[in-house]
Amino acid sequence: MHPRDVLLGAQAGAVALPVCDHYSGVEARMRKSLALQTECMERFGACVFDVTLDCEDGAPVGGEAEHAALVAELLTGLPADGPVARRVGARVHAVDHPAFEADVATIVTRAGDRLAYLMIPKVESAHDVARAVAAVDAAGGSHLPLHALIESALAVHRAFEIAAHPRIESLSFGLMDFVSAHGGAIPAEGMGVAGQFHHPLVLRAKLEIASACHAHGKVPAHGVVTEFRDVAALRQAARRAARELGYTRMWSIHPDQILPIVEAFAPDAEEVERAGEIIAAAHAAEWAPISHRGQLHDRASYRYFWQVLERAHRTGRTLPAGISCFFDSGVAQRS
């Protein structure tokens, strides 16, 4: 049996996505992002980051209909998938924005078969999700998972009910809108790379979103670091998001942020080696308890180490000999 089926049980249905979600909304940058994605797919043998084509805050104001048409054109112009499946999504306007329904109708109707997901910003409740689902389904996108952007105190309060919706695949934290929505109660430093890990209200919101996602088998996506030239600060923020706050995915807003995020969310080589040894020995023992380096392990710890290997695969790491077979072709797509 496949380790995922043996070890994860109900968790086997939990969503697993690339660890980086890269946003771009200006035509030249969207084209550059898609080209970079192709290069990285060839380099890593996996789609290590998503590209989200942006119709909202990352796009020019005015000409919304033309911009949605451009996004649809870029999607339909993508080459057919090769050995590695490409993942591209789109962010439309919020459900109460005048352009929302037109965005969905244009992009989903023309290019829904090329979309991996649709991001809905400024989601305040499960009712907003239901409104989005109705519009997406009416455009022929009943197969599309939705990602929701949590950007207010009320949305954080309702994060568990939003994450529980069956069409939701991931929740993202909209840091800057969240801080702005507090009317000055959170200082501007709360939007910075350091302050967002120290202010209690921001930290509480991040933890609530991560907890809601893990409770419902969805993916928590950490928000942006706007200091895109400070690679060291970005790496530190990504590592803290992954190791302290429980996030398994993070936004990028500049091409130079993508690989540092992927690297920060990847397990280190020693951890991958150890996980490979434990899973290989457990598999040989038909998942009975084993001793490894003087420690006892059973299916409870096997589950953790299998997830290390899944994360290594999603981040393009080299897998140990004897383990890569579990990630070959169709088998890999299950992780």
Protein backbone atom coordinates (compact mmCIF):
# COMPACT_ATOMS: atom_id res chain seq x y z
CA MET A 1 0.00 0.00 0.00
CA HIS A 2 1.08 3.59 -0.63
CA PRO A 3 2.49 5.24 2.53
CA ARG A 4 -0.02 8.06 2.22
CA ASP A 5 -2.94 5.63 2.45
CA VAL A 6 -1.43 3.70 5.35
CA LEU A 7 -0.28 6.64 7.43
CA LEU A 8 -2.57 9.59 6.90
CA GLY A 9 -6.05 8.08 7.14
CA ALA A 10 -8.56 10.92 7.07
CA GLN A 11 -5.64 13.33 6.59
CA ALA A 12 -5.03 11.75 3.18
CA GLY A 13 -7.77 14.04 1.88
CA ALA A 14 -5.99 17.16 3.13
CA VAL A 15 -4.88 19.61 0.47
CA ALA A 16 -1.17 19.91 -0.41
CA LEU A 17 -0.07 22.84 -2.59
CA PRO A 18 3.23 24.33 -3.77
CA VAL A 19 4.83 26.30 -0.95
CA CYS A 20 5.04 29.59 -2.88
CA ASP A 21 2.22 31.55 -4.51
CA HIS A 22 3.60 34.28 -6.79
CA TYR A 23 1.37 37.26 -7.65
CA SER A 24 1.69 39.54 -10.66
CA GLY A 25 -0.82 41.81 -12.35
CA VAL A 26 1.05 43.91 -14.92
CA GLU A 27 1.24 42.31 -18.36
CA ALA A 28 5.03 42.23 -18.67
CA ARG A 29 5.39 40.83 -15.15
CA MET A 30 2.71 38.22 -15.71
CA ARG A 31 4.49 36.99 -18.82
CA LYS A 32 7.83 36.99 -16.99
CA SER A 33 6.31 35.03 -14.09
CA LEU A 34 4.94 32.35 -16.40
CA ALA A 35 8.29 32.05 -18.17
CA LEU A 36 10.08 31.72 -14.83
CA GLN A 37 7.62 29.04 -13.76
CA THR A 38 8.48 27.05 -16.89
CA GLU A 39 12.21 27.36 -16.16
CA CYS A 40 11.75 26.15 -12.58
CA MET A 41 9.56 23.23 -13.63
CA GLU A 42 12.36 22.08 -15.92
CA ARG A 43 15.00 22.66 -13.24
CA PHE A 44 13.25 20.96 -10.32
CA GLY A 45 11.08 18.40 -12.09
CA ALA A 46 8.10 19.71 -10.10
CA CYS A 47 5.90 22.80 -10.02
CA VAL A 48 7.45 24.38 -6.93
CA PHE A 49 5.43 27.61 -7.08
CA ASP A 50 2.04 28.73 -8.31
CA VAL A 51 1.51 31.84 -10.40
CA THR A 52 -1.59 33.90 -9.62
CA LEU A 53 -2.52 36.36 -12.36
CA ASP A 54 -3.98 39.37 -10.58
CA CYS A 55 -7.06 41.37 -11.51
CA GLU A 56 -7.28 43.14 -8.16
CA ASP A 57 -4.75 45.12 -6.09
CA GLY A 58 -1.74 44.08 -8.16
CA ALA A 59 -3.32 45.24 -11.44
CA PRO A 60 -3.72 48.75 -12.88
CA VAL A 61 -6.91 50.61 -11.90
CA GLY A 62 -9.34 51.15 -14.77
CA GLY A 63 -9.88 48.92 -17.76
CA GLU A 64 -10.99 46.00 -15.60
CA ALA A 65 -12.78 44.25 -18.47
CA GLU A 66 -9.73 44.50 -20.72
CA HIS A 67 -7.47 43.22 -17.96
CA ALA A 68 -9.68 40.18 -17.31
CA ALA A 69 -9.60 39.46 -21.04
CA LEU A 70 -5.79 39.68 -20.95
CA VAL A 71 -5.64 37.19 -18.08
CA ALA A 72 -7.88 34.81 -20.02
CA GLU A 73 -5.67 35.23 -23.09
CA LEU A 74 -2.52 34.44 -21.11
CA LEU A 75 -4.16 31.34 -19.67
CA THR A 76 -5.39 30.00 -23.00
CA GLY A 77 -1.97 30.66 -24.52
CA LEU A 78 -0.15 28.42 -22.05
CA PRO A 79 1.55 25.40 -23.62
CA ALA A 80 0.10 21.98 -22.93
CA ASP A 81 1.38 20.30 -19.78
CA GLY A 82 4.40 18.05 -20.16
CA PRO A 83 5.67 15.60 -17.52
CA VAL A 84 5.06 18.26 -14.85
CA ALA A 85 1.63 19.86 -14.51
CA ARG A 86 1.68 23.66 -14.49
CA ARG A 87 -0.36 25.48 -11.82
CA VAL A 88 -1.74 28.94 -12.61
CA GLY A 89 -4.59 30.69 -10.82
CA ALA A 90 -6.24 34.09 -11.00
CA ARG A 91 -7.32 36.64 -8.41
CA VAL A 92 -10.60 38.33 -9.30
CA HIS A 93 -12.27 41.26 -7.54
CA ALA A 94 -14.20 40.82 -4.30
CA VAL A 95 -17.77 39.53 -4.50
CA ASP A 96 -19.22 42.99 -3.76
CA HIS A 97 -17.08 44.77 -6.38
CA PRO A 98 -18.83 45.85 -9.61
CA ALA A 99 -16.25 43.96 -11.70
CA PHE A 100 -16.53 40.63 -9.85
CA GLU A 101 -19.12 38.87 -11.99
CA ALA A 102 -17.55 40.11 -15.23
CA ASP A 103 -14.10 38.94 -14.07
CA VAL A 104 -15.44 35.48 -13.34
CA ALA A 105 -17.49 35.25 -16.52
CA THR A 106 -14.56 36.28 -18.70
CA ILE A 107 -11.79 34.25 -17.09
CA VAL A 108 -13.65 31.10 -16.13
CA THR A 109 -15.73 30.85 -19.30
CA ARG A 110 -12.77 31.40 -21.62
CA ALA A 111 -9.98 29.70 -19.68
CA GLY A 112 -11.46 27.71 -16.80
CA ASP A 113 -9.86 24.50 -18.03
CA ARG A 114 -6.38 26.06 -17.61
CA LEU A 115 -7.00 27.40 -14.10
CA ALA A 116 -5.78 25.55 -11.00
CA TYR A 117 -7.83 27.75 -8.64
CA LEU A 118 -9.51 31.12 -8.27
CA MET A 119 -8.54 33.54 -5.48
CA ILE A 120 -11.38 35.55 -3.94
CA PRO A 121 -10.21 38.62 -1.98
CA LYS A 122 -11.87 40.33 0.99
CA VAL A 123 -13.90 37.29 2.02
CA GLU A 124 -15.83 38.13 5.18
CA SER A 125 -17.99 35.03 5.66
CA ALA A 126 -19.06 31.65 4.33
CA HIS A 127 -21.89 33.54 2.62
CA ASP A 128 -19.30 35.40 0.53
CA VAL A 129 -17.82 32.04 -0.43
CA ALA A 130 -21.27 30.79 -1.44
CA ARG A 131 -21.77 33.88 -3.63
CA ALA A 132 -18.43 33.24 -5.30
CA VAL A 133 -19.25 29.57 -5.84
CA ALA A 134 -22.56 30.47 -7.49
CA ALA A 135 -20.86 32.84 -9.94
CA VAL A 136 -17.99 30.46 -10.71
CA ASP A 137 -20.35 27.52 -11.27
CA ALA A 138 -22.60 29.61 -13.51
CA ALA A 139 -19.54 30.31 -15.67
CA GLY A 140 -18.79 26.58 -15.97
CA GLY A 141 -16.18 26.37 -13.23
CA SER A 142 -17.77 23.84 -10.87
CA HIS A 143 -14.46 21.95 -10.87
CA LEU A 144 -12.47 24.92 -9.58
CA PRO A 145 -11.29 25.15 -5.97
CA LEU A 146 -11.39 28.59 -4.38
CA HIS A 147 -8.79 30.35 -2.27
CA ALA A 148 -9.99 33.01 0.16
CA LEU A 149 -8.10 36.10 1.30
CA ILE A 150 -8.74 37.00 4.95
CA GLU A 151 -8.25 40.75 5.39
CA SER A 152 -10.29 41.99 8.38
CA ALA A 153 -10.88 41.30 12.06
CA LEU A 154 -14.37 40.00 11.27
CA ALA A 155 -13.01 37.61 8.64
CA VAL A 156 -10.45 36.31 11.14
CA HIS A 157 -13.28 35.77 13.64
CA ARG A 158 -15.07 33.66 11.01
CA ALA A 159 -11.96 31.89 9.69
CA PHE A 160 -13.09 28.44 10.85
CA GLU A 161 -16.46 28.64 9.09
CA ILE A 162 -14.80 29.96 5.93
CA ALA A 163 -12.20 27.17 5.97
CA ALA A 164 -14.96 24.60 6.48
CA HIS A 165 -16.60 25.37 3.12
CA PRO A 166 -16.00 22.36 0.82
CA ARG A 167 -14.90 24.49 -2.15
CA ILE A 168 -12.24 26.33 -0.16
CA GLU A 169 -8.74 24.95 -0.70
CA SER A 170 -6.62 27.59 1.03
CA LEU A 171 -6.86 30.69 3.23
CA SER A 172 -4.38 33.55 2.80
CA PHE A 173 -3.69 36.35 5.25
CA GLY A 174 -3.96 39.86 3.79
CA LEU A 175 -1.58 41.68 6.12
CA MET A 176 -1.76 45.23 4.82
CA ASP A 177 -5.54 45.38 4.54
CA PHE A 178 -5.84 43.75 7.97
CA VAL A 179 -3.65 46.41 9.57
CA SER A 180 -5.40 49.23 7.70
CA ALA A 181 -8.81 47.91 8.77
CA HIS A 182 -7.94 48.60 12.42
CA GLY A 183 -8.15 52.38 12.01
CA GLY A 184 -4.71 53.14 13.39
CA ALA A 185 -4.95 50.74 16.34
CA ILE A 186 -2.07 48.77 14.83
CA PRO A 187 0.95 50.95 13.95
CA ALA A 188 2.43 50.97 10.46
CA GLU A 189 5.31 48.84 11.76
CA GLY A 190 2.81 45.98 11.93
CA MET A 191 2.99 45.78 8.13
CA GLY A 192 6.79 45.45 8.12
CA VAL A 193 8.88 42.31 8.00
CA ALA A 194 9.73 42.55 11.71
CA GLY A 195 6.60 44.10 13.18
CA GLN A 196 4.23 41.56 11.66
CA PHE A 197 5.84 38.88 13.83
CA HIS A 198 5.58 40.90 17.04
CA HIS A 199 2.30 42.80 17.20
CA PRO A 200 -0.17 40.69 19.23
CA LEU A 201 -3.21 41.37 17.03
CA VAL A 202 -1.34 40.46 13.86
CA LEU A 203 0.15 37.33 15.42
CA ARG A 204 -3.23 36.27 16.76
CA ALA A 205 -4.79 36.66 13.31
CA LYS A 206 -2.05 34.60 11.69
CA LEU A 207 -2.42 31.82 14.24
CA GLU A 208 -6.21 31.79 13.95
CA ILE A 209 -6.02 31.41 10.16
CA ALA A 210 -3.42 28.64 10.38
CA SER A 211 -5.47 26.81 13.01
CA ALA A 212 -8.66 27.06 10.95
CA CYS A 213 -6.89 25.62 7.92
CA HIS A 214 -5.34 22.71 9.79
CA ALA A 215 -8.67 21.93 11.46
CA HIS A 216 -10.33 21.51 8.06
CA GLY A 217 -7.49 20.08 5.96
CA LYS A 218 -6.88 23.30 4.03
CA VAL A 219 -3.64 25.16 3.24
CA PRO A 220 -2.68 28.28 5.25
CA ALA A 221 -0.81 30.80 3.08
CA HIS A 222 1.28 33.48 4.78
CA GLY A 223 1.08 36.98 3.36
CA VAL A 224 3.59 39.28 1.77
CA VAL A 225 6.94 40.70 2.78
CA THR A 226 7.05 44.09 1.07
CA GLU A 227 10.79 44.62 1.65
CA PHE A 228 11.49 42.59 -1.47
CA ARG A 229 15.15 43.67 -1.75
CA ASP A 230 16.01 42.32 1.72
CA VAL A 231 16.51 38.63 0.96
CA ALA A 232 17.84 37.80 4.43
CA ALA A 233 14.76 39.30 6.09
CA LEU A 234 12.50 37.45 3.65
CA ARG A 235 14.18 34.12 4.42
CA GLN A 236 13.83 34.73 8.14
CA ALA A 237 10.15 35.65 7.77
CA ALA A 238 9.46 32.57 5.66
CA ARG A 239 11.20 30.28 8.14
CA ARG A 240 9.26 31.80 11.04
CA ALA A 241 5.98 31.46 9.18
CA ALA A 242 6.72 27.78 8.53
CA ARG A 243 8.31 26.78 11.83
CA GLU A 244 6.58 28.99 14.40
CA LEU A 245 3.15 29.79 12.96
CA GLY A 246 2.20 26.61 11.11
CA TYR A 247 2.06 28.00 7.56
CA THR A 248 2.75 25.69 4.63
CA ARG A 249 2.65 28.28 1.86
CA MET A 250 3.63 31.95 1.37
CA TRP A 251 3.00 34.75 -1.08
CA SER A 252 5.66 36.23 -3.34
CA ILE A 253 5.27 39.65 -4.98
CA HIS A 254 8.66 39.85 -6.72
CA PRO A 255 10.47 37.17 -8.75
CA ASP A 256 13.52 37.45 -6.47
CA GLN A 257 11.37 36.25 -3.55
CA ILE A 258 10.28 32.95 -5.09
CA LEU A 259 13.30 30.70 -4.61
CA PRO A 260 14.16 32.02 -1.11
CA ILE A 261 10.59 31.16 -0.06
CA VAL A 262 10.83 27.69 -1.61
CA GLU A 263 14.16 27.11 0.14
CA ALA A 264 12.86 28.36 3.50
CA PHE A 265 9.86 26.04 3.41
CA ALA A 266 11.91 23.02 2.28
CA PRO A 267 13.18 20.51 4.84
CA ASP A 268 16.95 20.45 5.19
CA ALA A 269 19.00 17.63 3.68
CA GLU A 270 19.65 15.91 7.02
CA GLU A 271 15.94 15.89 7.84
CA VAL A 272 15.10 14.43 4.42
CA GLU A 273 17.77 11.74 4.81
CA ARG A 274 16.48 10.75 8.25
CA ALA A 275 12.88 10.69 7.05
CA GLY A 276 13.85 8.51 4.10
CA GLU A 277 15.62 6.00 6.32
CA ILE A 278 12.68 5.76 8.71
CA ILE A 279 10.02 5.39 6.02
CA ALA A 280 12.08 2.83 4.09
CA ALA A 281 12.58 0.75 7.24
CA ALA A 282 8.93 1.08 8.21
CA HIS A 283 7.82 0.02 4.75
CA ALA A 284 10.09 -3.04 4.93
CA ALA A 285 8.57 -3.86 8.34
CA GLU A 286 5.05 -3.54 6.89
CA TRP A 287 4.53 -0.47 9.09
CA ALA A 288 5.12 -2.28 12.38
CA PRO A 289 7.20 -0.41 15.00
CA ILE A 290 10.95 -0.11 14.35
CA SER A 291 14.08 1.11 16.09
CA HIS A 292 16.10 3.79 14.27
CA ARG A 293 19.26 5.37 15.67
CA GLY A 294 18.31 4.24 19.15
CA GLN A 295 14.74 5.59 19.02
CA LEU A 296 11.49 3.68 18.71
CA HIS A 297 9.09 4.72 15.95
CA ASP A 298 5.58 3.64 15.04
CA ARG A 299 2.84 4.91 12.75
CA ALA A 300 2.41 8.11 14.78
CA SER A 301 5.96 9.25 14.00
CA TYR A 302 5.96 7.62 10.55
CA ARG A 303 3.17 10.05 9.66
CA TYR A 304 5.36 13.02 10.48
CA PHE A 305 8.36 11.75 8.54
CA TRP A 306 6.24 10.88 5.52
CA GLN A 307 5.00 14.46 5.48
CA VAL A 308 8.64 15.65 5.54
CA LEU A 309 9.19 13.65 2.35
CA GLU A 310 6.05 15.09 0.77
CA ARG A 311 7.30 18.58 1.53
CA ALA A 312 10.70 17.71 0.08
CA HIS A 313 9.01 16.56 -3.12
CA ARG A 314 6.90 19.73 -3.37
CA THR A 315 10.00 21.90 -2.99
CA GLY A 316 12.07 20.06 -5.59
CA ARG A 317 14.50 18.45 -3.14
CA THR A 318 16.37 15.28 -4.07
CA LEU A 319 14.63 12.30 -2.50
CA PRO A 320 16.54 9.39 -0.96
CA ALA A 321 17.07 6.21 -2.96
CA GLY A 322 14.16 3.84 -2.51
CA ILE A 323 11.72 6.65 -1.75
CA SER A 324 11.35 8.39 -5.10
CA CYS A 325 9.25 5.48 -6.41
CA PHE A 326 6.40 6.69 -4.20
CA PHE A 327 6.40 10.00 -6.09
CA ASP A 328 6.64 8.74 -9.66
CA SER A 329 4.16 10.05 -12.26
CA GLY A 330 0.56 9.44 -11.15
CA VAL A 331 1.67 8.35 -7.69
CA ALA A 332 3.37 11.71 -7.12
CA GLN A 333 0.18 13.58 -7.89
CA ARG A 334 -1.45 12.05 -4.84
CA SER A 335 0.91 13.84 -2.47
